[in-house]
């Protein structure tokens, strides 16, 4: 399994936990938006993309391409 897939699975688990928090504490409005879409966007662009990109760069250097 690719590193990016593993990271996205971790992000999905965190989102499920956020959904539980939203339901358990009856959170509504802007906090819900930030806890779902905000988290997903930030996680993708700040964690998954940079780590996947550095992995891809490392693969190119190893193969000599």
Protein backbone atom coordinates (compact mmCIF):
# COMPACT_ATOMS: atom_id res chain seq x y z
CA UNK A 1 0.00 0.00 0.00
CA UNK A 2 1.32 3.45 -0.88
CA UNK A 3 2.25 5.91 1.84
CA UNK A 4 -0.35 8.40 0.57
CA UNK A 5 -3.07 5.75 0.88
CA UNK A 6 -2.07 4.99 4.46
CA UNK A 7 -2.09 8.70 5.31
CA UNK A 8 -5.54 9.12 3.75
CA UNK A 9 -6.82 6.19 5.83
CA UNK A 10 -5.51 7.90 8.98
CA UNK A 11 -7.21 11.12 7.86
CA UNK A 12 -10.45 9.19 7.33
CA UNK A 13 -10.26 7.78 10.86
CA UNK A 14 -9.77 11.28 12.23
CA UNK A 15 -12.80 12.46 10.23
CA UNK A 16 -14.90 9.63 11.68
CA UNK A 17 -13.81 10.72 15.16
CA UNK A 18 -14.77 14.30 14.27
CA UNK A 19 -18.21 13.11 13.13
CA UNK A 20 -18.62 11.35 16.46
CA UNK A 21 -17.68 14.55 18.30
CA UNK A 22 -20.15 16.55 16.21
CA UNK A 23 -22.96 14.13 17.04
CA UNK A 24 -22.09 13.57 20.69
CA UNK A 25 -21.86 17.27 21.53
CA UNK A 26 -24.51 18.53 19.09
CA UNK A 27 -22.06 20.87 17.40
CA UNK A 28 -23.47 22.92 14.54
CA UNK A 29 -22.58 25.76 12.22
CA UNK A 30 -19.09 26.87 11.32
CA UNK A 31 -17.27 24.47 13.67
CA UNK A 32 -18.80 21.54 11.76
CA UNK A 33 -17.55 22.97 8.49
CA UNK A 34 -14.06 23.43 9.91
CA UNK A 35 -13.99 19.97 11.51
CA UNK A 36 -14.95 18.24 8.26
CA UNK A 37 -14.02 20.08 5.07
CA UNK A 38 -11.43 22.27 6.76
CA UNK A 39 -9.64 19.28 8.26
CA UNK A 40 -9.81 17.28 5.02
CA UNK A 41 -8.39 20.11 2.90
CA UNK A 42 -5.63 21.01 5.34
CA UNK A 43 -4.69 17.37 5.90
CA UNK A 44 -4.50 16.68 2.16
CA UNK A 45 -2.43 19.74 1.25
CA UNK A 46 -0.27 20.06 4.37
CA UNK A 47 0.40 16.38 5.14
CA UNK A 48 -0.43 13.97 2.31
CA UNK A 49 0.77 15.95 -0.73
CA UNK A 50 4.18 17.01 0.66
CA UNK A 51 4.98 13.54 2.01
CA UNK A 52 3.82 11.83 -1.18
CA UNK A 53 5.80 14.29 -3.28
CA UNK A 54 8.99 13.73 -1.30
CA UNK A 55 8.51 9.98 -1.66
CA UNK A 56 8.04 10.32 -5.43
CA UNK A 57 11.15 12.51 -5.68
CA UNK A 58 13.12 9.88 -3.78
CA UNK A 59 11.94 7.16 -6.15
CA UNK A 60 13.13 9.14 -9.18
CA UNK A 61 16.57 9.66 -7.70
CA UNK A 62 16.93 5.97 -6.89
CA UNK A 63 16.08 4.83 -10.42
CA UNK A 64 18.22 7.51 -12.03
CA UNK A 65 15.34 8.94 -14.07
